[in-house]
Amino acid sequence: MKQGTDVTGELLKAVSRSFYLTIRFLPREMRPAVALGYMLARATDSVADTSLADELARARVLSMMAEAIAGGEVEGLSSVLSNEMAPAQQNPAERTLLERFGECLDALQTFPESQLILLRKVLSTIINGQLWDISYFREHASVDSDEETKRYAYSVAGCVGEFWTELGYATMGEQFCVESRKDLMRQAGIRYGIGLQLINILRDCEEDAARGRSYLSSEPQKWLNRAERYMDDGIDYSLRLGTFRLRFASVLPALIGKETLRLLRGQAKGRVKIPRRRVYACMLRAVFRCLHRKA
């Protein structure tokens, strides 16, 4: 069976056109695992955010999905996703994704063991973060420490930077980055992922507050500054990668993240949105910055 099968590209294009376009810049060695990992994480996120289902039902289904991804036989999962969770999705593509979750699981089995282990590890971490999110805010309105914020941001995004790094080394070796920097790159990848999630949290503060929850226990300004530092880490990380395609695909989210932070600093209220022309400007800057590899 072809690695990942055709379901990945077809569903990815329907669920997230922007990510579909971005992933085409990745080297072919990394592309299938990154695409399928995104699809499975997007499916679990759809269940976690299904407002028409109560918390206990969502937690139960997420646990079933986690067991299935880990390789277990989960009776009734397809029926629950198709008949209970899919109809509650407002986005038609996400409904289709949940209805076809079994095909994504089949695709998972086509990967070599080294990549399968990494995929299962990152998805387990993400689902644990989603389960924490559901259970914690049943009893709390806000996280109680900065460490809780960082722990959550790692579980849903920092672990992705770690996965990306480990997958790159597993599939490309020193073409990804020099072996001597492996641990430094893994840590930088984690900070990069956490920084991207902090930007999401900062951008969504008002919406989250309206839902009776806050992921920050201290002043947003501190987290703006930290997210800025982590975006700089992400740029440094990206420019050390071994190919232009890798550098471009990796650095673009950091440049867009820094643009988002600039808007957040200048806007007291309301959700910020980057104009399309600024996204194009970020893409142009990414091209020029990625022409040469950082030593």
C-alpha atoms as a PDB file:
ATOM      1  CA  MET A   1       0.000   0.000   0.000  1.00  0.00           C
ATOM      2  CA  LYS A   2       1.321   3.452  -0.841  1.00  0.00           C
ATOM      3  CA  GLN A   3       2.498   5.275   2.283  1.00  0.00           C
ATOM      4  CA  GLY A   4      -0.327   7.394   3.714  1.00  0.00           C
ATOM      5  CA  THR A   5      -2.689   6.360   0.860  1.00  0.00           C
ATOM      6  CA  ASP A   6      -4.567   8.891  -1.274  1.00  0.00           C
ATOM      7  CA  VAL A   7      -6.999   9.758   1.496  1.00  0.00           C
ATOM      8  CA  THR A   8      -4.463  12.082   3.122  1.00  0.00           C
ATOM      9  CA  GLY A   9      -4.078  14.529   0.245  1.00  0.00           C
ATOM     10  CA  GLU A  10      -7.762  14.477  -0.643  1.00  0.00           C
ATOM     11  CA  LEU A  11      -9.000  15.191   2.879  1.00  0.00           C
ATOM     12  CA  LEU A  12      -6.192  17.587   3.705  1.00  0.00           C
ATOM     13  CA  LYS A  13      -7.088  19.804   0.769  1.00  0.00           C
ATOM     14  CA  ALA A  14     -10.730  19.854   1.887  1.00  0.00           C
ATOM     15  CA  VAL A  15     -10.083  20.497   5.579  1.00  0.00           C
ATOM     16  CA  SER A  16      -7.264  23.036   5.349  1.00  0.00           C
ATOM     17  CA  ARG A  17      -6.356  24.502   2.001  1.00  0.00           C
ATOM     18  CA  SER A  18      -3.670  26.732   3.545  1.00  0.00           C
ATOM     19  CA  PHE A  19      -1.909  23.812   5.245  1.00  0.00           C
ATOM     20  CA  TYR A  20      -2.293  21.765   2.064  1.00  0.00           C
ATOM     21  CA  LEU A  21      -0.465  24.467   0.126  1.00  0.00           C
ATOM     22  CA  THR A  22       2.228  24.814   2.789  1.00  0.00           C
ATOM     23  CA  ILE A  23       2.936  21.100   3.098  1.00  0.00           C
ATOM     24  CA  ARG A  24       3.769  20.854  -0.590  1.00  0.00           C
ATOM     25  CA  PHE A  25       6.976  22.741   0.171  1.00  0.00           C
ATOM     26  CA  LEU A  26       8.173  19.957   2.471  1.00  0.00           C
ATOM     27  CA  PRO A  27      10.658  17.373   1.184  1.00  0.00           C
ATOM     28  CA  ARG A  28       8.847  14.229   0.044  1.00  0.00           C
ATOM     29  CA  GLU A  29      10.514  12.194   2.813  1.00  0.00           C
ATOM     30  CA  MET A  30       8.626  14.116   5.536  1.00  0.00           C
ATOM     31  CA  ARG A  31       5.432  15.010   3.721  1.00  0.00           C
ATOM     32  CA  PRO A  32       3.264  11.878   4.255  1.00  0.00           C
ATOM     33  CA  ALA A  33       3.779  11.628   8.034  1.00  0.00           C
ATOM     34  CA  VAL A  34       3.310  15.356   8.608  1.00  0.00           C
ATOM     35  CA  ALA A  35       0.125  15.357   6.509  1.00  0.00           C
ATOM     36  CA  LEU A  36      -1.423  12.338   8.208  1.00  0.00           C
ATOM     37  CA  GLY A  37      -0.399  13.535  11.665  1.00  0.00           C
ATOM     38  CA  TYR A  38      -2.156  16.820  10.953  1.00  0.00           C
ATOM     39  CA  MET A  39      -5.299  15.047   9.756  1.00  0.00           C
ATOM     40  CA  LEU A  40      -5.540  12.805  12.820  1.00  0.00           C
ATOM     41  CA  ALA A  41      -4.888  15.731  15.169  1.00  0.00           C
ATOM     42  CA  ARG A  42      -7.484  17.810  13.329  1.00  0.00           C
ATOM     43  CA  ALA A  43     -10.009  14.997  13.763  1.00  0.00           C
ATOM     44  CA  THR A  44      -9.427  14.779  17.519  1.00  0.00           C
ATOM     45  CA  ASP A  45      -9.563  18.573  17.758  1.00  0.00           C
ATOM     46  CA  SER A  46     -12.934  18.543  15.993  1.00  0.00           C
ATOM     47  CA  VAL A  47     -14.277  16.184  18.658  1.00  0.00           C
ATOM     48  CA  ALA A  48     -12.696  18.177  21.505  1.00  0.00           C
ATOM     49  CA  ASP A  49     -14.363  21.379  20.249  1.00  0.00           C
ATOM     50  CA  THR A  50     -17.795  19.900  19.483  1.00  0.00           C
ATOM     51  CA  SER A  51     -19.959  22.263  21.536  1.00  0.00           C
ATOM     52  CA  LEU A  52     -23.151  20.282  20.856  1.00  0.00           C
ATOM     53  CA  ALA A  53     -21.795  17.307  22.837  1.00  0.00           C
ATOM     54  CA  ASP A  54     -21.231  17.468  26.590  1.00  0.00           C
ATOM     55  CA  GLU A  55     -17.774  17.230  28.130  1.00  0.00           C
ATOM     56  CA  LEU A  56     -18.086  13.638  29.285  1.00  0.00           C
ATOM     57  CA  ALA A  57     -19.164  12.447  25.833  1.00  0.00           C
ATOM     58  CA  ARG A  58     -16.286  14.280  24.142  1.00  0.00           C
ATOM     59  CA  ALA A  59     -13.771  12.892  26.632  1.00  0.00           C
ATOM     60  CA  ARG A  60     -15.091   9.371  26.095  1.00  0.00           C
ATOM     61  CA  VAL A  61     -14.786   9.625  22.316  1.00  0.00           C
ATOM     62  CA  LEU A  62     -11.316  11.191  22.516  1.00  0.00           C
ATOM     63  CA  SER A  63     -10.166   8.297  24.687  1.00  0.00           C
ATOM     64  CA  MET A  64     -11.551   5.856  22.110  1.00  0.00           C
ATOM     65  CA  MET A  65      -9.705   7.685  19.329  1.00  0.00           C
ATOM     66  CA  ALA A  66      -6.477   7.610  21.340  1.00  0.00           C
ATOM     67  CA  GLU A  67      -6.788   3.856  21.823  1.00  0.00           C
ATOM     68  CA  ALA A  68      -7.450   3.324  18.117  1.00  0.00           C
ATOM     69  CA  ILE A  69      -4.449   5.448  17.097  1.00  0.00           C
ATOM     70  CA  ALA A  70      -2.308   3.441  19.528  1.00  0.00           C
ATOM     71  CA  GLY A  71      -3.277   0.301  17.590  1.00  0.00           C
ATOM     72  CA  GLY A  72      -6.154  -1.033  19.667  1.00  0.00           C
ATOM     73  CA  GLU A  73      -9.410  -2.461  18.327  1.00  0.00           C
ATOM     74  CA  VAL A  74     -12.110  -0.041  19.463  1.00  0.00           C
ATOM     75  CA  GLU A  75     -15.614  -1.359  18.967  1.00  0.00           C
ATOM     76  CA  GLY A  76     -18.202   1.225  17.953  1.00  0.00           C
ATOM     77  CA  LEU A  77     -15.792   4.099  17.248  1.00  0.00           C
ATOM     78  CA  SER A  78     -16.773   4.530  13.598  1.00  0.00           C
ATOM     79  CA  SER A  79     -20.454   4.547  14.518  1.00  0.00           C
ATOM     80  CA  VAL A  80     -19.993   7.132  17.269  1.00  0.00           C
ATOM     81  CA  LEU A  81     -17.950   9.424  15.027  1.00  0.00           C
ATOM     82  CA  SER A  82     -20.319   9.128  12.064  1.00  0.00           C
ATOM     83  CA  ASN A  83     -23.630   9.241  13.931  1.00  0.00           C
ATOM     84  CA  GLU A  84     -22.902  11.428  16.966  1.00  0.00           C
ATOM     85  CA  MET A  85     -19.877  13.649  16.374  1.00  0.00           C
ATOM     86  CA  ALA A  86     -19.912  14.258  12.605  1.00  0.00           C
ATOM     87  CA  PRO A  87     -23.488  15.673  12.493  1.00  0.00           C
ATOM     88  CA  ALA A  88     -22.501  18.213  15.163  1.00  0.00           C
ATOM     89  CA  GLN A  89     -19.775  19.744  12.944  1.00  0.00           C
ATOM     90  CA  GLN A  90     -20.613  22.992  11.195  1.00  0.00           C
ATOM     91  CA  ASN A  91     -17.698  22.624   8.787  1.00  0.00           C
ATOM     92  CA  PRO A  92     -18.639  20.065   6.070  1.00  0.00           C
ATOM     93  CA  ALA A  93     -15.006  19.044   5.600  1.00  0.00           C
ATOM     94  CA  GLU A  94     -14.660  18.245   9.291  1.00  0.00           C
ATOM     95  CA  ARG A  95     -17.840  16.160   9.132  1.00  0.00           C
ATOM     96  CA  THR A  96     -16.303  14.209   6.274  1.00  0.00           C
ATOM     97  CA  LEU A  97     -13.040  13.826   8.172  1.00  0.00           C
ATOM     98  CA  LEU A  98     -14.784  12.246  11.164  1.00  0.00           C
ATOM     99  CA  GLU A  99     -16.869   9.995   8.905  1.00  0.00           C
ATOM    100  CA  ARG A 100     -13.669   8.796   7.226  1.00  0.00           C
ATOM    101  CA  PHE A 101     -11.510   8.595  10.343  1.00  0.00           C
ATOM    102  CA  GLY A 102     -11.182   4.843   9.818  1.00  0.00           C
ATOM    103  CA  GLU A 103      -9.431   5.468   6.497  1.00  0.00           C
ATOM    104  CA  CYS A 104      -6.913   7.688   8.268  1.00  0.00           C
ATOM    105  CA  LEU A 105      -6.292   4.888  10.767  1.00  0.00           C
ATOM    106  CA  ASP A 106      -5.727   2.478   7.875  1.00  0.00           C
ATOM    107  CA  ALA A 107      -3.256   4.937   6.363  1.00  0.00           C
ATOM    108  CA  LEU A 108      -1.397   5.093   9.679  1.00  0.00           C
ATOM    109  CA  GLN A 109      -0.576   1.399   9.390  1.00  0.00           C
ATOM    110  CA  THR A 110       1.297   1.953   6.109  1.00  0.00           C
ATOM    111  CA  PHE A 111       4.179   3.843   7.765  1.00  0.00           C
ATOM    112  CA  PRO A 112       7.488   2.236   8.757  1.00  0.00           C
ATOM    113  CA  GLU A 113       7.881   1.498  12.459  1.00  0.00           C
ATOM    114  CA  SER A 114      10.218   4.448  13.132  1.00  0.00           C
ATOM    115  CA  GLN A 115       7.649   6.952  11.814  1.00  0.00           C
ATOM    116  CA  LEU A 116       4.682   5.109  13.321  1.00  0.00           C
ATOM    117  CA  ILE A 117       6.223   5.406  16.800  1.00  0.00           C
ATOM    118  CA  LEU A 118       6.706   9.155  16.354  1.00  0.00           C
ATOM    119  CA  LEU A 119       3.161   9.658  15.040  1.00  0.00           C
ATOM    120  CA  ARG A 120       1.603   7.737  17.903  1.00  0.00           C
ATOM    121  CA  LYS A 121       3.734   9.572  20.453  1.00  0.00           C
ATOM    122  CA  VAL A 122       2.797  13.074  19.277  1.00  0.00           C
ATOM    123  CA  LEU A 123      -0.892  12.220  18.852  1.00  0.00           C
ATOM    124  CA  SER A 124      -1.044  10.687  22.332  1.00  0.00           C
ATOM    125  CA  THR A 125       0.430  13.899  23.772  1.00  0.00           C
ATOM    126  CA  ILE A 126      -2.012  16.088  21.849  1.00  0.00           C
ATOM    127  CA  ILE A 127      -5.039  14.046  22.919  1.00  0.00           C
ATOM    128  CA  ASN A 128      -3.911  14.131  26.556  1.00  0.00           C
ATOM    129  CA  GLY A 129      -3.764  17.920  26.260  1.00  0.00           C
ATOM    130  CA  GLN A 130      -7.266  17.998  24.782  1.00  0.00           C
ATOM    131  CA  LEU A 131      -8.574  15.777  27.598  1.00  0.00           C
ATOM    132  CA  TRP A 132      -6.938  18.043  30.169  1.00  0.00           C
ATOM    133  CA  ASP A 133      -8.581  21.061  28.522  1.00  0.00           C
ATOM    134  CA  ILE A 134     -12.027  19.452  28.778  1.00  0.00           C
ATOM    135  CA  SER A 135     -11.690  18.275  32.373  1.00  0.00           C
ATOM    136  CA  TYR A 136      -9.803  21.238  33.852  1.00  0.00           C
ATOM    137  CA  PHE A 137     -12.258  23.928  32.801  1.00  0.00           C
ATOM    138  CA  ARG A 138     -15.211  22.020  34.180  1.00  0.00           C
ATOM    139  CA  GLU A 139     -13.985  23.140  37.607  1.00  0.00           C
ATOM    140  CA  HIS A 140     -11.741  26.153  36.957  1.00  0.00           C
ATOM    141  CA  ALA A 141     -12.093  29.443  35.126  1.00  0.00           C
ATOM    142  CA  SER A 142      -8.351  30.007  34.732  1.00  0.00           C
ATOM    143  CA  VAL A 143      -5.075  28.137  34.890  1.00  0.00           C
ATOM    144  CA  ASP A 144      -3.400  28.621  38.259  1.00  0.00           C
ATOM    145  CA  SER A 145       0.241  29.054  37.227  1.00  0.00           C
ATOM    146  CA  ASP A 146       2.558  29.978  34.379  1.00  0.00           C
ATOM    147  CA  GLU A 147       3.831  26.402  34.400  1.00  0.00           C
ATOM    148  CA  GLU A 148       0.303  25.173  33.685  1.00  0.00           C
ATOM    149  CA  THR A 149       0.160  27.458  30.644  1.00  0.00           C
ATOM    150  CA  LYS A 150       3.472  26.160  29.340  1.00  0.00           C
ATOM    151  CA  ARG A 151       2.499  22.546  30.033  1.00  0.00           C
ATOM    152  CA  TYR A 152      -0.727  22.941  28.063  1.00  0.00           C
ATOM    153  CA  ALA A 153       1.031  24.773  25.204  1.00  0.00           C
ATOM    154  CA  TYR A 154       3.572  21.951  25.001  1.00  0.00           C
ATOM    155  CA  SER A 155       0.905  19.260  24.962  1.00  0.00           C
ATOM    156  CA  VAL A 156      -0.975  20.708  21.986  1.00  0.00           C
ATOM    157  CA  ALA A 157       1.813  22.427  20.008  1.00  0.00           C
ATOM    158  CA  GLY A 158       5.289  22.197  21.537  1.00  0.00           C
ATOM    159  CA  CYS A 159       5.181  18.436  21.051  1.00  0.00           C
ATOM    160  CA  VAL A 160       4.593  19.082  17.337  1.00  0.00           C
ATOM    161  CA  GLY A 161       7.883  20.959  17.060  1.00  0.00           C
ATOM    162  CA  GLU A 162       9.533  18.024  18.793  1.00  0.00           C
ATOM    163  CA  PHE A 163       7.823  15.577  16.409  1.00  0.00           C
ATOM    164  CA  TRP A 164       8.827  17.625  13.362  1.00  0.00           C
ATOM    165  CA  THR A 165      12.485  17.532  14.478  1.00  0.00           C
ATOM    166  CA  GLU A 166      12.571  13.833  15.300  1.00  0.00           C
ATOM    167  CA  LEU A 167      10.784  12.985  12.050  1.00  0.00           C
ATOM    168  CA  GLY A 168      13.234  15.102  10.065  1.00  0.00           C
ATOM    169  CA  TYR A 169      16.233  13.295  11.501  1.00  0.00           C
ATOM    170  CA  ALA A 170      14.513   9.901  11.112  1.00  0.00           C
ATOM    171  CA  THR A 171      13.678  10.409   7.438  1.00  0.00           C
ATOM    172  CA  MET A 172      16.475  12.695   6.195  1.00  0.00           C
ATOM    173  CA  GLY A 173      19.395  12.334   8.598  1.00  0.00           C
ATOM    174  CA  GLU A 174      21.987  15.073   8.166  1.00  0.00           C
ATOM    175  CA  GLN A 175      20.100  16.433   5.177  1.00  0.00           C
ATOM    176  CA  PHE A 176      17.639  17.681   7.785  1.00  0.00           C
ATOM    177  CA  CYS A 177      20.281  19.178  10.094  1.00  0.00           C
ATOM    178  CA  VAL A 178      23.725  18.228  11.358  1.00  0.00           C
ATOM    179  CA  GLU A 179      23.572  15.392  13.900  1.00  0.00           C
ATOM    180  CA  SER A 180      25.589  17.312  16.499  1.00  0.00           C
ATOM    181  CA  ARG A 181      22.732  19.824  16.875  1.00  0.00           C
ATOM    182  CA  LYS A 182      19.988  17.220  17.329  1.00  0.00           C
ATOM    183  CA  ASP A 183      19.201  17.941  20.985  1.00  0.00           C
ATOM    184  CA  LEU A 184      19.481  21.716  20.505  1.00  0.00           C
ATOM    185  CA  MET A 185      17.135  21.513  17.526  1.00  0.00           C
ATOM    186  CA  ARG A 186      14.643  19.391  19.458  1.00  0.00           C
ATOM    187  CA  GLN A 187      14.520  21.947  22.288  1.00  0.00           C
ATOM    188  CA  ALA A 188      14.245  24.842  19.833  1.00  0.00           C
ATOM    189  CA  GLY A 189      11.440  23.013  18.020  1.00  0.00           C
ATOM    190  CA  ILE A 190       9.567  22.647  21.303  1.00  0.00           C
ATOM    191  CA  ARG A 191       9.921  26.375  22.071  1.00  0.00           C
ATOM    192  CA  TYR A 192       8.812  27.233  18.545  1.00  0.00           C
ATOM    193  CA  GLY A 193       5.663  25.140  18.887  1.00  0.00           C
ATOM    194  CA  ILE A 194       4.888  26.556  22.335  1.00  0.00           C
ATOM    195  CA  GLY A 195       5.342  30.073  20.954  1.00  0.00           C
ATOM    196  CA  LEU A 196       2.857  29.453  18.147  1.00  0.00           C
ATOM    197  CA  GLN A 197       0.309  28.175  20.672  1.00  0.00           C
ATOM    198  CA  LEU A 198       0.900  31.202  22.918  1.00  0.00           C
ATOM    199  CA  ILE A 199       0.034  33.413  19.945  1.00  0.00           C
ATOM    200  CA  ASN A 200      -3.213  31.468  19.489  1.00  0.00           C
ATOM    201  CA  ILE A 201      -3.998  31.912  23.188  1.00  0.00           C
ATOM    202  CA  LEU A 202      -3.246  35.645  23.113  1.00  0.00           C
ATOM    203  CA  ARG A 203      -5.286  36.135  19.941  1.00  0.00           C
ATOM    204  CA  ASP A 204      -8.276  34.259  21.387  1.00  0.00           C
ATOM    205  CA  CYS A 205      -8.259  35.758  24.910  1.00  0.00           C
ATOM    206  CA  GLU A 206     -11.598  37.533  24.545  1.00  0.00           C
ATOM    207  CA  GLU A 207     -13.371  34.554  22.979  1.00  0.00           C
ATOM    208  CA  ASP A 208     -12.013  32.234  25.666  1.00  0.00           C
ATOM    209  CA  ALA A 209     -13.083  34.645  28.402  1.00  0.00           C
ATOM    210  CA  ALA A 210     -16.616  34.638  26.969  1.00  0.00           C
ATOM    211  CA  ARG A 211     -16.567  30.840  27.307  1.00  0.00           C
ATOM    212  CA  GLY A 212     -15.533  31.167  30.958  1.00  0.00           C
ATOM    213  CA  ARG A 213     -11.899  30.123  30.642  1.00  0.00           C
ATOM    214  CA  SER A 214      -8.433  31.662  30.597  1.00  0.00           C
ATOM    215  CA  TYR A 215      -5.170  29.951  29.714  1.00  0.00           C
ATOM    216  CA  LEU A 216      -3.098  32.744  31.290  1.00  0.00           C
ATOM    217  CA  SER A 217      -2.644  33.319  35.016  1.00  0.00           C
ATOM    218  CA  SER A 218      -0.475  36.430  34.593  1.00  0.00           C
ATOM    219  CA  GLU A 219      -0.328  39.573  32.466  1.00  0.00           C
ATOM    220  CA  PRO A 220      -0.594  39.041  28.686  1.00  0.00           C
ATOM    221  CA  GLN A 221       2.353  41.388  28.109  1.00  0.00           C
ATOM    222  CA  LYS A 222       4.734  38.856  29.613  1.00  0.00           C
ATOM    223  CA  TRP A 223       3.420  36.182  27.260  1.00  0.00           C
ATOM    224  CA  LEU A 224       3.656  38.497  24.270  1.00  0.00           C
ATOM    225  CA  ASN A 225       7.335  38.982  25.047  1.00  0.00           C
ATOM    226  CA  ARG A 226       7.889  35.268  25.553  1.00  0.00           C
ATOM    227  CA  ALA A 227       6.094  34.401  22.321  1.00  0.00           C
ATOM    228  CA  GLU A 228       8.310  36.935  20.522  1.00  0.00           C
ATOM    229  CA  ARG A 229      11.441  35.227  21.860  1.00  0.00           C
ATOM    230  CA  TYR A 230      10.113  31.833  20.855  1.00  0.00           C
ATOM    231  CA  MET A 231       9.398  33.085  17.316  1.00  0.00           C
ATOM    232  CA  ASP A 232      13.020  34.237  17.137  1.00  0.00           C
ATOM    233  CA  ASP A 233      14.005  30.728  18.249  1.00  0.00           C
ATOM    234  CA  GLY A 234      11.791  29.379  15.472  1.00  0.00           C
ATOM    235  CA  ILE A 235      13.501  31.533  12.864  1.00  0.00           C
ATOM    236  CA  ASP A 236      16.935  30.428  14.060  1.00  0.00           C
ATOM    237  CA  TYR A 237      15.740  26.801  14.045  1.00  0.00           C
ATOM    238  CA  SER A 238      14.383  27.085  10.524  1.00  0.00           C
ATOM    239  CA  LEU A 239      17.451  28.706   8.981  1.00  0.00           C
ATOM    240  CA  ARG A 240      19.678  25.860  10.221  1.00  0.00           C
ATOM    241  CA  LEU A 241      17.764  23.231   8.256  1.00  0.00           C
ATOM    242  CA  GLY A 242      19.432  21.519   5.333  1.00  0.00           C
ATOM    243  CA  THR A 243      17.292  22.375   2.285  1.00  0.00           C
ATOM    244  CA  PHE A 244      15.567  25.466   0.960  1.00  0.00           C
ATOM    245  CA  ARG A 245      12.188  23.729   0.982  1.00  0.00           C
ATOM    246  CA  LEU A 246      12.583  22.770   4.645  1.00  0.00           C
ATOM    247  CA  ARG A 247      13.721  26.252   5.623  1.00  0.00           C
ATOM    248  CA  PHE A 248      10.851  27.918   3.782  1.00  0.00           C
ATOM    249  CA  ALA A 249       8.123  25.631   5.171  1.00  0.00           C
ATOM    250  CA  SER A 250       9.529  26.014   8.688  1.00  0.00           C
ATOM    251  CA  VAL A 251      10.240  29.740   8.820  1.00  0.00           C
ATOM    252  CA  LEU A 252       6.995  31.028   7.305  1.00  0.00           C
ATOM    253  CA  PRO A 253       4.818  30.375  10.415  1.00  0.00           C
ATOM    254  CA  ALA A 254       7.387  32.258  12.553  1.00  0.00           C
ATOM    255  CA  LEU A 255       7.327  35.296  10.269  1.00  0.00           C
ATOM    256  CA  ILE A 256       3.515  35.276  10.220  1.00  0.00           C
ATOM    257  CA  GLY A 257       3.583  34.781  14.001  1.00  0.00           C
ATOM    258  CA  LYS A 258       5.761  37.855  14.469  1.00  0.00           C
ATOM    259  CA  GLU A 259       3.372  39.862  12.287  1.00  0.00           C
ATOM    260  CA  THR A 260       0.462  38.657  14.454  1.00  0.00           C
ATOM    261  CA  LEU A 261       2.324  39.709  17.604  1.00  0.00           C
ATOM    262  CA  ARG A 262       2.923  43.162  16.116  1.00  0.00           C
ATOM    263  CA  LEU A 263      -0.817  43.554  15.564  1.00  0.00           C
ATOM    264  CA  LEU A 264      -1.625  42.226  19.057  1.00  0.00           C
ATOM    265  CA  ARG A 265       0.686  44.800  20.642  1.00  0.00           C
ATOM    266  CA  GLY A 266      -1.048  47.610  18.776  1.00  0.00           C
ATOM    267  CA  GLN A 267      -4.655  46.511  19.310  1.00  0.00           C
ATOM    268  CA  ALA A 268      -6.280  46.731  22.716  1.00  0.00           C
ATOM    269  CA  LYS A 269      -9.348  44.639  21.941  1.00  0.00           C
ATOM    270  CA  GLY A 270     -10.772  42.356  19.310  1.00  0.00           C
ATOM    271  CA  ARG A 271      -9.330  39.482  17.306  1.00  0.00           C
ATOM    272  CA  VAL A 272      -6.542  40.496  14.971  1.00  0.00           C
ATOM    273  CA  LYS A 273      -6.416  39.398  11.356  1.00  0.00           C
ATOM    274  CA  ILE A 274      -3.392  39.712   9.099  1.00  0.00           C
ATOM    275  CA  PRO A 275      -4.263  41.220   5.695  1.00  0.00           C
ATOM    276  CA  ARG A 276      -3.497  38.964   2.757  1.00  0.00           C
ATOM    277  CA  ARG A 277      -0.911  41.409   1.406  1.00  0.00           C
ATOM    278  CA  ARG A 278       1.039  41.077   4.683  1.00  0.00           C
ATOM    279  CA  VAL A 279       0.974  37.282   4.338  1.00  0.00           C
ATOM    280  CA  TYR A 280       2.429  37.642   0.833  1.00  0.00           C
ATOM    281  CA  ALA A 281       5.073  39.980   2.245  1.00  0.00           C
ATOM    282  CA  CYS A 282       5.961  37.338   4.839  1.00  0.00           C
ATOM    283  CA  MET A 283       6.289  34.756   2.070  1.00  0.00           C
ATOM    284  CA  LEU A 284       8.635  37.032   0.128  1.00  0.00           C
ATOM    285  CA  ARG A 285      10.759  37.648   3.229  1.00  0.00           C
ATOM    286  CA  ALA A 286      10.832  33.907   3.834  1.00  0.00           C
ATOM    287  CA  VAL A 287      12.215  33.297   0.331  1.00  0.00           C
ATOM    288  CA  PHE A 288      15.063  35.774   0.808  1.00  0.00           C
ATOM    289  CA  ARG A 289      15.898  34.563   4.317  1.00  0.00           C
ATOM    290  CA  CYS A 290      15.959  30.922   3.243  1.00  0.00           C
ATOM    291  CA  LEU A 291      18.339  31.274   0.308  1.00  0.00           C
ATOM    292  CA  HIS A 292      21.268  30.461   2.552  1.00  0.00           C
ATOM    293  CA  ARG A 293      21.585  27.963   5.400  1.00  0.00           C
ATOM    294  CA  LYS A 294      22.669  29.283   8.791  1.00  0.00           C
ATOM    295  CA  ALA A 295      25.897  27.702  10.018  1.00  0.00           C
END
